[in-house]
Amino acid sequence: MRVVEGVAEIADLDAFLARLDGIAADHGVTVQAFDARYVVGRGHLERAVELADRAIAREENVARERGVEILLYAAGRRQIDDALAMGVQEGRTPAAVVVSDAAGDGSREAAAADDVAALLDPAATLDDYDADRVRAFFDVTAAELDATDGDLTDLVAERVALLDVEK
């Protein structure tokens, strides 16, 4: 799995997503874009890919497409419409784009990641999440943060893992 970081300037969301779909098809990989302000780190996305692949292997997936299943796990949601809030939107959006080949072919991932990078303005985005936005999206209260030894990243990881239990 590769994560391409950068800022997306999106005038037409459907056209941008179609370009990502084209890259995925050209290289035989999955490409899924996230609004990086909701992503608490690379581990968040790695775990989402891992759990999505496990659900697909067990034929327990909710979505028909691997990219959407990854989005559902990253968002900790079973409803696609709810999870889409974590995706990129029109305008200038800090993005983290997962490029993953389920078969693990690193060369196809690398070529696709290069094509995705060409669509973004280079920027480090994974370590710059919006804590208030993340807390609101994942329903993490101040009381919950105070009551745990973990931090926001740990609580988001818990939400991602709990999606399996909620199915």
N, C-alpha and C. Protein backbone atom coordinates (compact mmCIF):
# COMPACT_ATOMS: atom_id res chain seq x y z
N MET A 1 0.84 -1.18 0.00
CA MET A 1 0.00 0.00 0.00
C MET A 1 0.88 1.24 0.00
N ARG A 2 0.49 2.20 -0.79
CA ARG A 2 1.16 3.50 -0.80
C ARG A 2 0.13 4.57 -0.46
N VAL A 3 0.60 5.63 0.16
CA VAL A 3 -0.26 6.78 0.43
C VAL A 3 0.39 7.98 -0.23
N VAL A 4 -0.37 8.62 -1.11
CA VAL A 4 0.10 9.82 -1.79
C VAL A 4 -0.51 11.01 -1.06
N GLU A 5 0.35 11.89 -0.58
CA GLU A 5 -0.10 13.08 0.13
C GLU A 5 0.01 14.30 -0.77
N GLY A 6 -0.92 15.23 -0.58
CA GLY A 6 -0.86 16.47 -1.33
C GLY A 6 -2.16 17.23 -1.17
N VAL A 7 -2.23 18.35 -1.85
CA VAL A 7 -3.43 19.17 -1.82
C VAL A 7 -4.10 19.06 -3.18
N ALA A 8 -5.38 18.71 -3.15
CA ALA A 8 -6.15 18.58 -4.39
C ALA A 8 -6.94 19.86 -4.62
N GLU A 9 -6.82 20.41 -5.80
CA GLU A 9 -7.62 21.56 -6.22
C GLU A 9 -8.70 20.98 -7.12
N ILE A 10 -9.91 20.83 -6.57
CA ILE A 10 -10.97 20.09 -7.26
C ILE A 10 -12.08 21.05 -7.68
N ALA A 11 -12.16 21.29 -8.99
CA ALA A 11 -13.22 22.14 -9.53
C ALA A 11 -14.49 21.32 -9.78
N ASP A 12 -14.32 20.08 -10.20
CA ASP A 12 -15.44 19.19 -10.52
C ASP A 12 -15.14 17.84 -9.87
N LEU A 13 -15.85 17.53 -8.78
CA LEU A 13 -15.57 16.32 -8.02
C LEU A 13 -15.73 15.07 -8.87
N ASP A 14 -16.80 14.99 -9.66
CA ASP A 14 -17.01 13.81 -10.50
C ASP A 14 -15.86 13.60 -11.48
N ALA A 15 -15.36 14.68 -12.06
CA ALA A 15 -14.25 14.58 -13.01
C ALA A 15 -12.97 14.13 -12.29
N PHE A 16 -12.73 14.66 -11.10
CA PHE A 16 -11.54 14.26 -10.33
C PHE A 16 -11.61 12.78 -9.97
N LEU A 17 -12.76 12.34 -9.49
CA LEU A 17 -12.92 10.93 -9.13
C LEU A 17 -12.81 10.03 -10.35
N ALA A 18 -13.30 10.50 -11.49
CA ALA A 18 -13.17 9.72 -12.73
C ALA A 18 -11.70 9.56 -13.11
N ARG A 19 -10.91 10.61 -12.89
CA ARG A 19 -9.47 10.51 -13.18
C ARG A 19 -8.80 9.48 -12.26
N LEU A 20 -9.19 9.49 -10.98
CA LEU A 20 -8.65 8.48 -10.06
C LEU A 20 -9.08 7.08 -10.47
N ASP A 21 -10.34 6.93 -10.87
CA ASP A 21 -10.83 5.62 -11.34
C ASP A 21 -10.06 5.17 -12.58
N GLY A 22 -9.74 6.11 -13.46
CA GLY A 22 -8.97 5.79 -14.66
C GLY A 22 -7.57 5.30 -14.31
N ILE A 23 -6.95 5.96 -13.34
CA ILE A 23 -5.62 5.53 -12.89
C ILE A 23 -5.71 4.12 -12.30
N ALA A 24 -6.72 3.89 -11.49
CA ALA A 24 -6.90 2.56 -10.89
C ALA A 24 -7.06 1.50 -11.97
N ALA A 25 -7.88 1.78 -12.97
CA ALA A 25 -8.12 0.82 -14.05
C ALA A 25 -6.87 0.60 -14.89
N ASP A 26 -6.16 1.69 -15.19
CA ASP A 26 -4.95 1.58 -16.01
C ASP A 26 -3.89 0.69 -15.36
N HIS A 27 -3.81 0.72 -14.03
CA HIS A 27 -2.75 0.01 -13.32
C HIS A 27 -3.23 -1.25 -12.59
N GLY A 28 -4.54 -1.48 -12.59
CA GLY A 28 -5.06 -2.66 -11.91
C GLY A 28 -4.91 -2.61 -10.40
N VAL A 29 -5.12 -1.42 -9.84
CA VAL A 29 -5.00 -1.22 -8.39
C VAL A 29 -6.26 -0.53 -7.87
N THR A 30 -6.34 -0.42 -6.57
CA THR A 30 -7.41 0.35 -5.94
C THR A 30 -6.85 1.73 -5.59
N VAL A 31 -7.63 2.76 -5.90
CA VAL A 31 -7.25 4.13 -5.55
C VAL A 31 -8.43 4.74 -4.78
N GLN A 32 -8.18 5.18 -3.56
CA GLN A 32 -9.23 5.78 -2.73
C GLN A 32 -8.70 7.04 -2.09
N ALA A 33 -9.38 8.16 -2.34
CA ALA A 33 -8.94 9.46 -1.83
C ALA A 33 -9.68 9.82 -0.54
N PHE A 34 -8.94 10.39 0.38
CA PHE A 34 -9.49 10.84 1.66
C PHE A 34 -9.16 12.31 1.89
N ASP A 35 -10.06 13.00 2.57
CA ASP A 35 -9.76 14.33 3.09
C ASP A 35 -8.83 14.09 4.27
N ALA A 36 -7.59 14.52 4.15
CA ALA A 36 -6.57 14.21 5.15
C ALA A 36 -6.88 14.80 6.52
N ARG A 37 -7.77 15.77 6.59
CA ARG A 37 -8.10 16.36 7.89
C ARG A 37 -8.83 15.36 8.79
N TYR A 38 -9.32 14.26 8.21
CA TYR A 38 -10.01 13.22 8.98
C TYR A 38 -9.12 12.02 9.27
N VAL A 39 -7.93 11.99 8.72
CA VAL A 39 -7.04 10.82 8.82
C VAL A 39 -5.99 11.09 9.89
N VAL A 40 -5.94 10.22 10.90
CA VAL A 40 -5.05 10.48 12.04
C VAL A 40 -3.65 9.88 11.86
N GLY A 41 -3.34 9.45 10.66
CA GLY A 41 -2.00 8.95 10.37
C GLY A 41 -2.03 7.79 9.41
N ARG A 42 -0.85 7.43 8.96
CA ARG A 42 -0.73 6.33 8.00
C ARG A 42 -1.31 5.03 8.56
N GLY A 43 -1.09 4.79 9.85
CA GLY A 43 -1.61 3.58 10.48
C GLY A 43 -3.12 3.47 10.38
N HIS A 44 -3.81 4.59 10.43
CA HIS A 44 -5.26 4.63 10.27
C HIS A 44 -5.66 4.02 8.93
N LEU A 45 -4.97 4.42 7.88
CA LEU A 45 -5.27 3.92 6.53
C LEU A 45 -4.80 2.48 6.35
N GLU A 46 -3.65 2.15 6.90
CA GLU A 46 -3.15 0.77 6.80
C GLU A 46 -4.13 -0.21 7.44
N ARG A 47 -4.64 0.16 8.60
CA ARG A 47 -5.59 -0.71 9.30
C ARG A 47 -6.89 -0.83 8.51
N ALA A 48 -7.35 0.26 7.93
CA ALA A 48 -8.58 0.22 7.12
C ALA A 48 -8.41 -0.72 5.93
N VAL A 49 -7.26 -0.66 5.26
CA VAL A 49 -6.99 -1.56 4.12
C VAL A 49 -6.95 -3.00 4.60
N GLU A 50 -6.27 -3.24 5.69
CA GLU A 50 -6.15 -4.60 6.23
C GLU A 50 -7.53 -5.19 6.57
N LEU A 51 -8.36 -4.41 7.26
CA LEU A 51 -9.67 -4.90 7.66
C LEU A 51 -10.61 -5.06 6.47
N ALA A 52 -10.51 -4.15 5.51
CA ALA A 52 -11.33 -4.26 4.30
C ALA A 52 -10.97 -5.52 3.53
N ASP A 53 -9.68 -5.78 3.39
CA ASP A 53 -9.24 -6.98 2.67
C ASP A 53 -9.67 -8.25 3.40
N ARG A 54 -9.62 -8.21 4.71
CA ARG A 54 -10.07 -9.38 5.48
C ARG A 54 -11.56 -9.61 5.29
N ALA A 55 -12.35 -8.54 5.32
CA ALA A 55 -13.80 -8.68 5.12
C ALA A 55 -14.10 -9.23 3.73
N ILE A 56 -13.38 -8.75 2.73
CA ILE A 56 -13.59 -9.22 1.35
C ILE A 56 -13.22 -10.70 1.25
N ALA A 57 -12.10 -11.09 1.85
CA ALA A 57 -11.67 -12.49 1.80
C ALA A 57 -12.68 -13.42 2.47
N ARG A 58 -13.34 -12.92 3.50
CA ARG A 58 -14.35 -13.71 4.22
C ARG A 58 -15.75 -13.58 3.61
N GLU A 59 -15.82 -12.78 2.54
CA GLU A 59 -17.11 -12.48 1.89
C GLU A 59 -18.09 -11.84 2.86
N GLU A 60 -17.56 -10.97 3.72
CA GLU A 60 -18.36 -10.23 4.70
C GLU A 60 -18.38 -8.74 4.38
N ASN A 61 -17.91 -8.37 3.20
CA ASN A 61 -17.84 -6.95 2.85
C ASN A 61 -19.24 -6.37 2.66
N VAL A 62 -19.34 -5.08 2.97
CA VAL A 62 -20.58 -4.34 2.80
C VAL A 62 -20.65 -3.77 1.39
N ALA A 63 -19.54 -3.26 0.91
CA ALA A 63 -19.49 -2.60 -0.41
C ALA A 63 -19.06 -3.60 -1.48
N ARG A 64 -19.46 -3.32 -2.71
CA ARG A 64 -19.04 -4.16 -3.84
C ARG A 64 -17.62 -3.84 -4.28
N GLU A 65 -17.21 -2.58 -4.10
CA GLU A 65 -15.89 -2.14 -4.55
C GLU A 65 -14.91 -2.09 -3.37
N ARG A 66 -13.70 -2.55 -3.62
CA ARG A 66 -12.68 -2.58 -2.57
C ARG A 66 -12.39 -1.18 -2.03
N GLY A 67 -12.32 -0.18 -2.90
CA GLY A 67 -12.05 1.18 -2.45
C GLY A 67 -13.11 1.70 -1.50
N VAL A 68 -14.36 1.40 -1.78
CA VAL A 68 -15.45 1.84 -0.90
C VAL A 68 -15.38 1.08 0.42
N GLU A 69 -15.03 -0.20 0.37
CA GLU A 69 -14.89 -0.97 1.62
C GLU A 69 -13.77 -0.37 2.48
N ILE A 70 -12.68 0.04 1.86
CA ILE A 70 -11.59 0.70 2.59
C ILE A 70 -12.10 2.00 3.21
N LEU A 71 -12.86 2.77 2.46
CA LEU A 71 -13.44 4.01 2.97
C LEU A 71 -14.34 3.74 4.18
N LEU A 72 -15.17 2.71 4.10
CA LEU A 72 -16.06 2.37 5.21
C LEU A 72 -15.27 2.07 6.48
N TYR A 73 -14.22 1.28 6.34
CA TYR A 73 -13.41 0.96 7.51
C TYR A 73 -12.68 2.19 8.04
N ALA A 74 -12.12 2.99 7.17
CA ALA A 74 -11.42 4.20 7.63
C ALA A 74 -12.37 5.12 8.38
N ALA A 75 -13.61 5.18 7.91
CA ALA A 75 -14.61 6.05 8.54
C ALA A 75 -15.26 5.40 9.75
N GLY A 76 -15.09 4.09 9.91
CA GLY A 76 -15.75 3.40 11.02
C GLY A 76 -17.26 3.41 10.86
N ARG A 77 -17.72 3.37 9.62
CA ARG A 77 -19.15 3.46 9.32
C ARG A 77 -19.58 2.32 8.42
N ARG A 78 -20.82 1.88 8.56
CA ARG A 78 -21.38 0.86 7.67
C ARG A 78 -22.14 1.50 6.52
N GLN A 79 -22.57 2.74 6.69
CA GLN A 79 -23.35 3.42 5.67
C GLN A 79 -22.43 4.21 4.75
N ILE A 80 -22.50 3.90 3.47
CA ILE A 80 -21.62 4.54 2.50
C ILE A 80 -21.82 6.05 2.49
N ASP A 81 -23.07 6.50 2.52
CA ASP A 81 -23.33 7.95 2.50
C ASP A 81 -22.67 8.66 3.67
N ASP A 82 -22.67 8.03 4.84
CA ASP A 82 -22.02 8.64 6.01
C ASP A 82 -20.50 8.65 5.85
N ALA A 83 -19.96 7.58 5.31
CA ALA A 83 -18.50 7.47 5.14
C ALA A 83 -17.97 8.45 4.11
N LEU A 84 -18.79 8.79 3.12
CA LEU A 84 -18.34 9.69 2.05
C LEU A 84 -17.90 11.06 2.56
N ALA A 85 -18.37 11.44 3.74
CA ALA A 85 -17.95 12.73 4.31
C ALA A 85 -16.44 12.77 4.53
N MET A 86 -15.82 11.60 4.61
CA MET A 86 -14.37 11.51 4.82
C MET A 86 -13.60 11.60 3.51
N GLY A 87 -14.30 11.60 2.40
CA GLY A 87 -13.66 11.70 1.09
C GLY A 87 -13.35 13.13 0.73
N VAL A 88 -12.67 13.30 -0.39
CA VAL A 88 -12.34 14.65 -0.86
C VAL A 88 -13.60 15.35 -1.37
N GLN A 89 -13.56 16.66 -1.37
CA GLN A 89 -14.68 17.48 -1.82
C GLN A 89 -14.18 18.52 -2.81
N GLU A 90 -15.10 19.21 -3.45
CA GLU A 90 -14.71 20.29 -4.36
C GLU A 90 -14.04 21.41 -3.57
N GLY A 91 -13.14 22.10 -4.24
CA GLY A 91 -12.36 23.15 -3.60
C GLY A 91 -10.95 22.66 -3.34
N ARG A 92 -10.26 23.37 -2.48
CA ARG A 92 -8.87 23.02 -2.15
C ARG A 92 -8.90 22.12 -0.91
N THR A 93 -8.49 20.87 -1.07
CA THR A 93 -8.61 19.89 0.00
C THR A 93 -7.28 19.18 0.25
N PRO A 94 -6.81 19.17 1.51
CA PRO A 94 -5.65 18.35 1.81
C PRO A 94 -6.05 16.88 1.64
N ALA A 95 -5.28 16.14 0.90
CA ALA A 95 -5.67 14.77 0.56
C ALA A 95 -4.62 13.75 0.97
N ALA A 96 -5.13 12.57 1.26
CA ALA A 96 -4.30 11.37 1.44
C ALA A 96 -4.96 10.32 0.56
N VAL A 97 -4.24 9.87 -0.44
CA VAL A 97 -4.82 8.95 -1.42
C VAL A 97 -4.15 7.58 -1.29
N VAL A 98 -4.96 6.59 -0.96
CA VAL A 98 -4.47 5.21 -0.84
C VAL A 98 -4.38 4.61 -2.24
N VAL A 99 -3.23 4.03 -2.53
CA VAL A 99 -3.03 3.27 -3.77
C VAL A 99 -2.60 1.88 -3.32
N SER A 100 -3.43 0.89 -3.63
CA SER A 100 -3.17 -0.44 -3.11
C SER A 100 -3.52 -1.52 -4.12
N ASP A 101 -2.62 -2.46 -4.24
CA ASP A 101 -2.86 -3.64 -5.08
C ASP A 101 -3.10 -4.80 -4.13
N ALA A 102 -4.29 -5.38 -4.19
CA ALA A 102 -4.63 -6.48 -3.29
C ALA A 102 -3.64 -7.63 -3.41
N ALA A 103 -3.04 -7.79 -4.59
CA ALA A 103 -2.07 -8.86 -4.81
C ALA A 103 -0.68 -8.48 -4.32
N GLY A 104 -0.51 -7.22 -3.92
CA GLY A 104 0.77 -6.78 -3.38
C GLY A 104 1.84 -6.47 -4.40
N ASP A 105 1.44 -6.15 -5.63
CA ASP A 105 2.42 -5.82 -6.68
C ASP A 105 2.89 -4.38 -6.50
N GLY A 106 4.06 -4.23 -5.91
CA GLY A 106 4.58 -2.90 -5.63
C GLY A 106 4.86 -2.06 -6.86
N SER A 107 5.20 -2.69 -7.98
CA SER A 107 5.50 -1.91 -9.18
C SER A 107 4.24 -1.25 -9.74
N ARG A 108 3.12 -1.95 -9.68
CA ARG A 108 1.86 -1.34 -10.16
C ARG A 108 1.44 -0.22 -9.22
N GLU A 109 1.63 -0.44 -7.92
CA GLU A 109 1.31 0.61 -6.95
C GLU A 109 2.18 1.85 -7.19
N ALA A 110 3.45 1.64 -7.43
CA ALA A 110 4.37 2.77 -7.64
C ALA A 110 3.98 3.58 -8.86
N ALA A 111 3.68 2.91 -9.95
CA ALA A 111 3.30 3.63 -11.18
C ALA A 111 1.99 4.38 -10.98
N ALA A 112 1.03 3.76 -10.32
CA ALA A 112 -0.25 4.43 -10.07
C ALA A 112 -0.06 5.60 -9.12
N ALA A 113 0.78 5.43 -8.09
CA ALA A 113 1.03 6.51 -7.14
C ALA A 113 1.65 7.71 -7.83
N ASP A 114 2.54 7.47 -8.79
CA ASP A 114 3.12 8.58 -9.56
C ASP A 114 2.05 9.33 -10.32
N ASP A 115 1.11 8.59 -10.92
CA ASP A 115 0.02 9.24 -11.67
C ASP A 115 -0.89 10.04 -10.74
N VAL A 116 -1.16 9.49 -9.55
CA VAL A 116 -1.99 10.21 -8.58
C VAL A 116 -1.26 11.47 -8.12
N ALA A 117 0.03 11.37 -7.85
CA ALA A 117 0.81 12.52 -7.38
C ALA A 117 0.76 13.67 -8.38
N ALA A 118 0.66 13.34 -9.66
CA ALA A 118 0.59 14.38 -10.70
C ALA A 118 -0.70 15.20 -10.61
N LEU A 119 -1.71 14.68 -9.91
CA LEU A 119 -2.98 15.39 -9.76
C LEU A 119 -3.00 16.30 -8.54
N LEU A 120 -1.98 16.20 -7.69
CA LEU A 120 -1.96 16.93 -6.42
C LEU A 120 -0.81 17.92 -6.36
N ASP A 121 -1.00 18.98 -5.60
CA ASP A 121 0.11 19.86 -5.25
C ASP A 121 0.85 19.18 -4.10
N PRO A 122 2.15 18.98 -4.21
CA PRO A 122 2.88 18.25 -3.17
C PRO A 122 2.76 18.95 -1.81
N ALA A 123 2.46 18.16 -0.79
CA ALA A 123 2.39 18.67 0.58
C ALA A 123 2.29 17.48 1.53
N ALA A 124 2.88 17.61 2.70
CA ALA A 124 2.71 16.60 3.74
C ALA A 124 1.36 16.86 4.40
N THR A 125 0.47 15.89 4.34
CA THR A 125 -0.88 16.10 4.86
C THR A 125 -1.27 15.14 5.98
N LEU A 126 -0.59 14.03 6.11
CA LEU A 126 -1.03 13.01 7.08
C LEU A 126 -0.82 13.41 8.53
N ASP A 127 0.13 14.23 8.80
CA ASP A 127 0.40 14.60 10.19
C ASP A 127 -0.24 15.93 10.56
N ASP A 128 -1.25 16.33 9.81
CA ASP A 128 -1.87 17.64 10.03
C ASP A 128 -3.39 17.51 10.08
N TYR A 129 -3.89 16.50 10.81
CA TYR A 129 -5.34 16.34 10.88
C TYR A 129 -5.96 17.41 11.78
N ASP A 130 -7.25 17.62 11.60
CA ASP A 130 -8.01 18.61 12.36
C ASP A 130 -8.66 17.88 13.54
N ALA A 131 -8.11 18.04 14.74
CA ALA A 131 -8.57 17.29 15.91
C ALA A 131 -10.06 17.52 16.19
N ASP A 132 -10.54 18.75 16.06
CA ASP A 132 -11.96 19.02 16.31
C ASP A 132 -12.83 18.30 15.28
N ARG A 133 -12.42 18.34 14.04
CA ARG A 133 -13.15 17.68 12.96
C ARG A 133 -13.17 16.16 13.19
N VAL A 134 -12.02 15.61 13.57
CA VAL A 134 -11.92 14.17 13.82
C VAL A 134 -12.79 13.78 15.01
N ARG A 135 -12.74 14.55 16.09
CA ARG A 135 -13.57 14.23 17.26
C ARG A 135 -15.04 14.26 16.91
N ALA A 136 -15.46 15.25 16.13
CA ALA A 136 -16.87 15.34 15.74
C ALA A 136 -17.27 14.18 14.83
N PHE A 137 -16.44 13.87 13.85
CA PHE A 137 -16.77 12.82 12.89
C PHE A 137 -16.85 11.45 13.56
N PHE A 138 -15.91 11.17 14.46
CA PHE A 138 -15.87 9.86 15.11
C PHE A 138 -16.60 9.84 16.46
N ASP A 139 -17.30 10.92 16.78
CA ASP A 139 -18.07 11.02 18.03
C ASP A 139 -17.22 10.74 19.26
N VAL A 140 -16.06 11.36 19.32
CA VAL A 140 -15.18 11.22 20.47
C VAL A 140 -15.39 12.44 21.37
N THR A 141 -15.86 12.20 22.57
CA THR A 141 -16.13 13.31 23.49
C THR A 141 -14.90 13.63 24.33
N ALA A 142 -14.93 14.82 24.91
CA ALA A 142 -13.84 15.22 25.81
C ALA A 142 -13.80 14.28 27.01
N ALA A 143 -14.96 13.86 27.50
CA ALA A 143 -15.02 12.94 28.64
C ALA A 143 -14.36 11.61 28.28
N GLU A 144 -14.59 11.14 27.06
CA GLU A 144 -13.97 9.88 26.63
C GLU A 144 -12.45 10.02 26.56
N LEU A 145 -11.98 11.14 26.04
CA LEU A 145 -10.53 11.38 25.98
C LEU A 145 -9.92 11.44 27.38
N ASP A 146 -10.64 12.09 28.30
CA ASP A 146 -10.14 12.20 29.68
C ASP A 146 -10.12 10.85 30.39
N ALA A 147 -11.02 9.96 30.01
CA ALA A 147 -11.18 8.69 30.72
C ALA A 147 -10.24 7.59 30.22
N THR A 148 -9.47 7.87 29.21
CA THR A 148 -8.60 6.83 28.64
C THR A 148 -7.14 7.21 28.75
N ASP A 149 -6.30 6.19 28.74
CA ASP A 149 -4.86 6.43 28.72
C ASP A 149 -4.39 6.76 27.31
N GLY A 150 -5.23 6.44 26.31
CA GLY A 150 -4.87 6.67 24.92
C GLY A 150 -5.14 8.09 24.48
N ASP A 151 -4.83 8.35 23.23
CA ASP A 151 -5.09 9.66 22.65
C ASP A 151 -6.12 9.53 21.54
N LEU A 152 -6.33 10.59 20.81
CA LEU A 152 -7.34 10.60 19.75
C LEU A 152 -7.03 9.55 18.69
N THR A 153 -5.77 9.37 18.36
CA THR A 153 -5.39 8.35 17.37
C THR A 153 -5.81 6.97 17.84
N ASP A 154 -5.62 6.68 19.12
CA ASP A 154 -6.02 5.38 19.67
C ASP A 154 -7.53 5.18 19.61
N LEU A 155 -8.28 6.22 19.92
CA LEU A 155 -9.74 6.12 19.91
C LEU A 155 -10.28 5.95 18.49
N VAL A 156 -9.65 6.60 17.53
CA VAL A 156 -10.07 6.41 16.13
C VAL A 156 -9.76 4.98 15.70
N ALA A 157 -8.60 4.46 16.08
CA ALA A 157 -8.25 3.08 15.75
C ALA A 157 -9.28 2.11 16.33
N GLU A 158 -9.75 2.42 17.51
CA GLU A 158 -10.79 1.59 18.13
C GLU A 158 -12.09 1.64 17.32
N ARG A 159 -12.47 2.82 16.84
CA ARG A 159 -13.69 2.95 16.03
C ARG A 159 -13.57 2.15 14.73
N VAL A 160 -12.39 2.20 14.12
CA VAL A 160 -12.15 1.46 12.88
C VAL A 160 -12.28 -0.04 13.14
N ALA A 161 -11.67 -0.51 14.21
CA ALA A 161 -11.72 -1.94 14.54
C ALA A 161 -13.12 -2.38 14.94
N LEU A 162 -13.89 -1.50 15.57
CA LEU A 162 -15.23 -1.86 16.03
C LEU A 162 -16.22 -2.06 14.88
N LEU A 163 -15.90 -1.59 13.70
CA LEU A 163 -16.81 -1.79 12.57
C LEU A 163 -17.06 -3.28 12.35
N ASP A 164 -16.06 -4.12 12.56
CA ASP A 164 -16.24 -5.57 12.43
C ASP A 164 -17.25 -6.09 13.43
N VAL A 165 -17.20 -5.59 14.65
CA VAL A 165 -18.11 -6.04 15.71
C VAL A 165 -19.54 -5.62 15.40
N GLU A 166 -19.70 -4.44 14.81
CA GLU A 166 -21.03 -3.90 14.54
C GLU A 166 -21.71 -4.54 13.35
N LYS A 167 -20.97 -5.26 12.52
CA LYS A 167 -21.58 -5.88 11.33
C LYS A 167 -22.55 -6.97 11.71
